[in-house]
C-alpha cells in the first residue's frame, strides 16, 4: 500500500524538481543578461546611460545586445541573452513533454 502511494507521488516530485530548476535557470539568465546588457551600455555610452537603461529596461534588453555586437564586436550580450532563451525553451519544452498530463 505504501509502495503504491510512493510510486504515485514520484512523478510529482520529478515535476516539481524540474520546475524549480527551470525557475532558477530563468532568474539566473534574466540577471546575467541584464548585467551584460548594462555593461555594454556602460562601455558604449557611460554611466548616465546605465541609469537611463535601468529606467528603460525593455528597450535596453532588445537593442543593446545587437548594438554592442554590430557596432563594437562585443557579441557576449547577444550570446547570453538569446542563447539563454534557447536553453530555457529547451528545458521548459522537455518538462512539458516529459510531464504532460495529456494522454
N, C-alpha and C. Protein backbone atom coordinates (compact mmCIF):
# COMPACT_ATOMS: atom_id res chain seq x y z
N UNK A 1 0.82 -1.18 0.00
CA UNK A 1 0.00 0.00 0.00
C UNK A 1 0.87 1.26 0.00
N UNK A 2 1.86 1.31 0.90
CA UNK A 2 2.75 2.46 0.95
C UNK A 2 3.57 2.57 -0.33
N UNK A 3 3.93 1.42 -0.86
CA UNK A 3 4.74 1.41 -2.07
C UNK A 3 3.97 2.04 -3.24
N UNK A 4 2.68 1.76 -3.34
CA UNK A 4 1.87 2.34 -4.40
C UNK A 4 1.73 3.84 -4.22
N UNK A 5 1.58 4.30 -2.99
CA UNK A 5 1.49 5.74 -2.72
C UNK A 5 2.80 6.43 -3.08
N UNK A 6 3.90 5.78 -2.75
CA UNK A 6 5.22 6.34 -3.08
C UNK A 6 5.42 6.40 -4.59
N UNK A 7 5.01 5.34 -5.26
CA UNK A 7 5.15 5.26 -6.71
C UNK A 7 4.27 6.32 -7.39
N UNK A 8 3.12 6.60 -6.83
CA UNK A 8 2.21 7.59 -7.41
C UNK A 8 2.72 9.01 -7.19
N UNK A 9 3.45 9.27 -6.11
CA UNK A 9 3.91 10.62 -5.83
C UNK A 9 5.25 10.94 -6.50
N UNK A 10 5.95 9.93 -7.00
CA UNK A 10 7.26 10.16 -7.60
C UNK A 10 7.22 11.09 -8.81
N UNK A 11 6.26 10.94 -9.74
CA UNK A 11 6.21 11.89 -10.87
C UNK A 11 5.99 13.33 -10.42
N UNK A 12 5.22 13.52 -9.35
CA UNK A 12 5.02 14.88 -8.85
C UNK A 12 6.32 15.47 -8.32
N UNK A 13 7.14 14.64 -7.67
CA UNK A 13 8.43 15.11 -7.15
C UNK A 13 9.34 15.48 -8.31
N UNK A 14 9.39 14.64 -9.35
CA UNK A 14 10.23 14.95 -10.51
C UNK A 14 9.76 16.22 -11.20
N UNK A 15 8.45 16.36 -11.35
CA UNK A 15 7.91 17.55 -11.99
C UNK A 15 8.24 18.80 -11.18
N UNK A 16 8.10 18.72 -9.87
CA UNK A 16 8.42 19.85 -9.01
C UNK A 16 9.89 20.20 -9.04
N UNK A 17 10.75 19.18 -9.08
CA UNK A 17 12.18 19.43 -9.13
C UNK A 17 12.57 20.09 -10.44
N UNK A 18 12.05 19.61 -11.54
CA UNK A 18 12.36 20.23 -12.83
C UNK A 18 11.80 21.63 -12.92
N UNK A 19 10.67 21.87 -12.31
CA UNK A 19 10.10 23.22 -12.29
C UNK A 19 10.99 24.17 -11.49
N UNK A 20 11.51 23.70 -10.36
CA UNK A 20 12.41 24.53 -9.55
C UNK A 20 13.69 24.84 -10.33
N UNK A 21 14.24 23.83 -10.99
CA UNK A 21 15.45 24.05 -11.80
C UNK A 21 15.16 25.05 -12.92
N UNK A 22 14.02 24.93 -13.56
CA UNK A 22 13.64 25.86 -14.62
C UNK A 22 13.51 27.29 -14.12
N UNK A 23 12.91 27.46 -12.97
CA UNK A 23 12.75 28.81 -12.40
C UNK A 23 14.10 29.40 -12.01
N UNK A 24 14.97 28.58 -11.43
CA UNK A 24 16.32 29.05 -11.07
C UNK A 24 17.08 29.44 -12.33
N UNK A 25 17.01 28.61 -13.39
CA UNK A 25 17.67 28.95 -14.65
C UNK A 25 17.10 30.24 -15.24
N UNK A 26 15.80 30.41 -15.15
CA UNK A 26 15.18 31.62 -15.69
C UNK A 26 15.70 32.87 -14.99
N UNK A 27 15.73 32.86 -13.66
CA UNK A 27 16.19 34.04 -12.94
C UNK A 27 17.69 34.27 -13.11
N UNK A 28 18.48 33.21 -13.20
CA UNK A 28 19.91 33.36 -13.45
C UNK A 28 20.14 33.96 -14.83
N UNK A 29 19.39 33.49 -15.82
CA UNK A 29 19.51 34.05 -17.17
C UNK A 29 19.07 35.51 -17.20
N UNK A 30 17.98 35.82 -16.52
CA UNK A 30 17.47 37.19 -16.52
C UNK A 30 18.49 38.15 -15.91
N UNK A 31 19.06 37.78 -14.78
CA UNK A 31 20.04 38.65 -14.12
C UNK A 31 21.31 38.76 -14.94
N UNK A 32 21.81 37.64 -15.46
CA UNK A 32 23.05 37.66 -16.25
C UNK A 32 22.88 38.50 -17.51
N UNK A 33 21.79 38.34 -18.22
CA UNK A 33 21.62 39.12 -19.45
C UNK A 33 21.41 40.59 -19.14
N UNK A 34 20.74 40.90 -18.06
CA UNK A 34 20.55 42.30 -17.69
C UNK A 34 21.88 42.96 -17.35
N UNK A 35 22.73 42.25 -16.59
CA UNK A 35 24.04 42.79 -16.22
C UNK A 35 24.92 42.97 -17.46
N UNK A 36 24.94 41.98 -18.33
CA UNK A 36 25.77 42.09 -19.54
C UNK A 36 25.25 43.20 -20.46
N UNK A 37 23.95 43.36 -20.56
CA UNK A 37 23.39 44.46 -21.36
C UNK A 37 23.78 45.81 -20.79
N UNK A 38 23.67 45.96 -19.48
CA UNK A 38 24.05 47.22 -18.86
C UNK A 38 25.56 47.47 -18.97
N UNK A 39 26.35 46.42 -18.95
CA UNK A 39 27.79 46.57 -19.17
C UNK A 39 28.06 47.07 -20.58
N UNK A 40 27.36 46.54 -21.56
CA UNK A 40 27.52 47.01 -22.94
C UNK A 40 27.11 48.47 -23.07
N UNK A 41 26.04 48.86 -22.40
CA UNK A 41 25.61 50.27 -22.43
C UNK A 41 26.65 51.15 -21.75
N UNK A 42 27.19 50.70 -20.63
CA UNK A 42 28.21 51.48 -19.92
C UNK A 42 29.47 51.65 -20.76
N UNK A 43 29.93 50.59 -21.39
CA UNK A 43 31.14 50.68 -22.20
C UNK A 43 30.94 51.57 -23.42
N UNK A 44 29.73 51.65 -23.92
CA UNK A 44 29.47 52.44 -25.11
C UNK A 44 29.12 53.89 -24.79
N UNK A 45 28.24 54.11 -23.83
CA UNK A 45 27.71 55.45 -23.60
C UNK A 45 28.04 56.06 -22.24
N UNK A 46 28.52 55.28 -21.28
CA UNK A 46 28.88 55.82 -19.99
C UNK A 46 27.85 55.57 -18.90
N UNK A 47 28.15 56.11 -17.71
CA UNK A 47 27.35 55.84 -16.52
C UNK A 47 25.95 56.41 -16.54
N UNK A 48 25.78 57.59 -17.11
CA UNK A 48 24.45 58.19 -17.16
C UNK A 48 23.50 57.35 -18.03
N UNK A 49 24.03 56.77 -19.06
CA UNK A 49 23.22 55.91 -19.92
C UNK A 49 22.79 54.63 -19.20
N UNK A 50 23.60 54.17 -18.23
CA UNK A 50 23.21 52.99 -17.45
C UNK A 50 21.99 53.31 -16.61
N UNK A 51 21.97 54.49 -15.99
CA UNK A 51 20.79 54.89 -15.22
C UNK A 51 19.56 54.99 -16.12
N UNK A 52 19.74 55.55 -17.29
CA UNK A 52 18.63 55.63 -18.24
C UNK A 52 18.23 54.23 -18.72
N UNK A 53 19.22 53.35 -18.87
CA UNK A 53 18.95 51.97 -19.29
C UNK A 53 18.18 51.19 -18.25
N UNK A 54 18.41 51.49 -16.98
CA UNK A 54 17.64 50.82 -15.93
C UNK A 54 16.17 51.23 -16.00
N UNK A 55 15.93 52.51 -16.28
CA UNK A 55 14.56 53.00 -16.38
C UNK A 55 13.89 52.43 -17.64
N UNK A 56 14.63 52.36 -18.72
CA UNK A 56 14.09 51.89 -19.99
C UNK A 56 14.54 50.45 -20.27
N UNK A 57 14.41 49.59 -19.28
CA UNK A 57 14.94 48.23 -19.35
C UNK A 57 14.45 47.43 -20.56
N UNK A 58 13.18 47.46 -20.92
CA UNK A 58 12.77 46.65 -22.08
C UNK A 58 13.47 47.06 -23.38
N UNK A 59 13.68 48.35 -23.56
CA UNK A 59 14.35 48.82 -24.77
C UNK A 59 15.81 48.37 -24.76
N UNK A 60 16.45 48.51 -23.62
CA UNK A 60 17.85 48.09 -23.49
C UNK A 60 17.98 46.60 -23.70
N UNK A 61 17.02 45.85 -23.21
CA UNK A 61 17.05 44.40 -23.31
C UNK A 61 17.02 43.93 -24.76
N UNK A 62 16.37 44.68 -25.63
CA UNK A 62 16.26 44.28 -27.03
C UNK A 62 17.37 44.90 -27.88
N UNK A 63 17.65 46.17 -27.72
CA UNK A 63 18.55 46.89 -28.62
C UNK A 63 20.02 46.76 -28.24
N UNK A 64 20.35 46.80 -26.96
CA UNK A 64 21.75 46.83 -26.53
C UNK A 64 22.59 45.65 -27.01
N UNK A 65 22.12 44.41 -26.95
CA UNK A 65 22.97 43.31 -27.41
C UNK A 65 23.28 43.38 -28.91
N UNK A 66 22.30 43.77 -29.70
CA UNK A 66 22.53 43.90 -31.15
C UNK A 66 23.48 45.05 -31.44
N UNK A 67 23.31 46.17 -30.77
CA UNK A 67 24.18 47.31 -30.99
C UNK A 67 25.62 46.99 -30.57
N UNK A 68 25.78 46.34 -29.42
CA UNK A 68 27.13 46.01 -28.95
C UNK A 68 27.81 45.04 -29.91
N UNK A 69 27.08 44.11 -30.46
CA UNK A 69 27.67 43.15 -31.39
C UNK A 69 28.00 43.75 -32.74
N UNK A 70 27.06 44.49 -33.31
CA UNK A 70 27.27 45.02 -34.65
C UNK A 70 28.23 46.22 -34.67
N UNK A 71 28.14 47.09 -33.69
CA UNK A 71 28.96 48.31 -33.70
C UNK A 71 30.34 48.09 -33.09
N UNK A 72 30.45 47.22 -32.09
CA UNK A 72 31.71 47.10 -31.37
C UNK A 72 32.30 45.70 -31.39
N UNK A 73 31.62 44.75 -31.96
CA UNK A 73 32.14 43.39 -31.99
C UNK A 73 32.09 42.69 -30.64
N UNK A 74 31.31 43.23 -29.71
CA UNK A 74 31.14 42.64 -28.37
C UNK A 74 29.88 41.80 -28.41
N UNK A 75 30.03 40.51 -28.74
CA UNK A 75 28.90 39.63 -29.00
C UNK A 75 28.37 38.92 -27.76
N UNK A 76 29.03 39.04 -26.62
CA UNK A 76 28.58 38.32 -25.43
C UNK A 76 27.18 38.68 -24.96
N UNK A 77 26.78 39.94 -25.01
CA UNK A 77 25.38 40.21 -24.61
C UNK A 77 24.37 39.47 -25.46
N UNK A 78 24.61 39.39 -26.76
CA UNK A 78 23.69 38.68 -27.65
C UNK A 78 23.71 37.18 -27.37
N UNK A 79 24.91 36.64 -27.15
CA UNK A 79 25.02 35.20 -26.86
C UNK A 79 24.32 34.85 -25.55
N UNK A 80 24.56 35.66 -24.52
CA UNK A 80 23.95 35.38 -23.21
C UNK A 80 22.44 35.53 -23.28
N UNK A 81 21.99 36.59 -23.93
CA UNK A 81 20.56 36.86 -23.94
C UNK A 81 19.78 35.86 -24.77
N UNK A 82 20.12 35.71 -26.02
CA UNK A 82 19.33 34.84 -26.89
C UNK A 82 19.73 33.37 -26.76
N UNK A 83 20.97 33.09 -26.43
CA UNK A 83 21.38 31.72 -26.14
C UNK A 83 20.68 31.19 -24.90
N UNK A 84 20.53 32.07 -23.90
CA UNK A 84 19.79 31.69 -22.69
C UNK A 84 18.33 31.40 -22.97
N UNK A 85 17.75 32.16 -23.89
CA UNK A 85 16.36 31.90 -24.27
C UNK A 85 16.22 30.53 -24.92
N UNK A 86 17.19 30.15 -25.74
CA UNK A 86 17.15 28.84 -26.39
C UNK A 86 17.23 27.73 -25.34
N UNK A 87 18.16 27.87 -24.39
CA UNK A 87 18.31 26.86 -23.34
C UNK A 87 17.04 26.76 -22.50
N UNK A 88 16.49 27.90 -22.10
CA UNK A 88 15.25 27.88 -21.33
C UNK A 88 14.10 27.27 -22.11
N UNK A 89 14.02 27.56 -23.39
CA UNK A 89 12.97 26.96 -24.21
C UNK A 89 13.10 25.45 -24.28
N UNK A 90 14.34 24.97 -24.37
CA UNK A 90 14.56 23.52 -24.39
C UNK A 90 14.18 22.88 -23.06
N UNK A 91 14.56 23.52 -21.94
CA UNK A 91 14.24 22.96 -20.63
C UNK A 91 12.74 22.92 -20.39
N UNK A 92 12.05 24.01 -20.69
CA UNK A 92 10.61 24.04 -20.47
C UNK A 92 9.88 23.13 -21.46
N UNK A 93 10.37 23.03 -22.69
CA UNK A 93 9.78 22.10 -23.65
C UNK A 93 9.96 20.66 -23.23
N UNK A 94 11.15 20.34 -22.70
CA UNK A 94 11.41 18.99 -22.21
C UNK A 94 10.50 18.67 -21.02
N UNK A 95 10.35 19.62 -20.13
CA UNK A 95 9.48 19.40 -18.98
C UNK A 95 8.04 19.18 -19.42
N UNK A 96 7.59 19.94 -20.40
CA UNK A 96 6.22 19.78 -20.91
C UNK A 96 6.05 18.42 -21.56
N UNK A 97 7.04 17.99 -22.30
CA UNK A 97 6.95 16.70 -22.98
C UNK A 97 6.99 15.53 -21.99
N UNK A 98 7.87 15.62 -21.00
CA UNK A 98 8.03 14.52 -20.06
C UNK A 98 6.87 14.41 -19.08
N UNK A 99 6.35 15.54 -18.63
CA UNK A 99 5.40 15.52 -17.53
C UNK A 99 4.02 16.02 -17.91
N UNK A 100 3.70 15.99 -19.19
CA UNK A 100 2.38 16.41 -19.61
C UNK A 100 1.33 15.43 -19.11
N UNK A 101 0.22 15.94 -18.65
CA UNK A 101 -0.85 15.08 -18.14
C UNK A 101 -1.78 14.64 -19.25
N UNK A 102 -1.61 15.25 -20.44
CA UNK A 102 -2.45 14.84 -21.58
C UNK A 102 -1.99 13.48 -22.09
N UNK A 103 -2.93 12.69 -22.49
CA UNK A 103 -2.61 11.34 -22.98
C UNK A 103 -2.66 11.32 -24.49
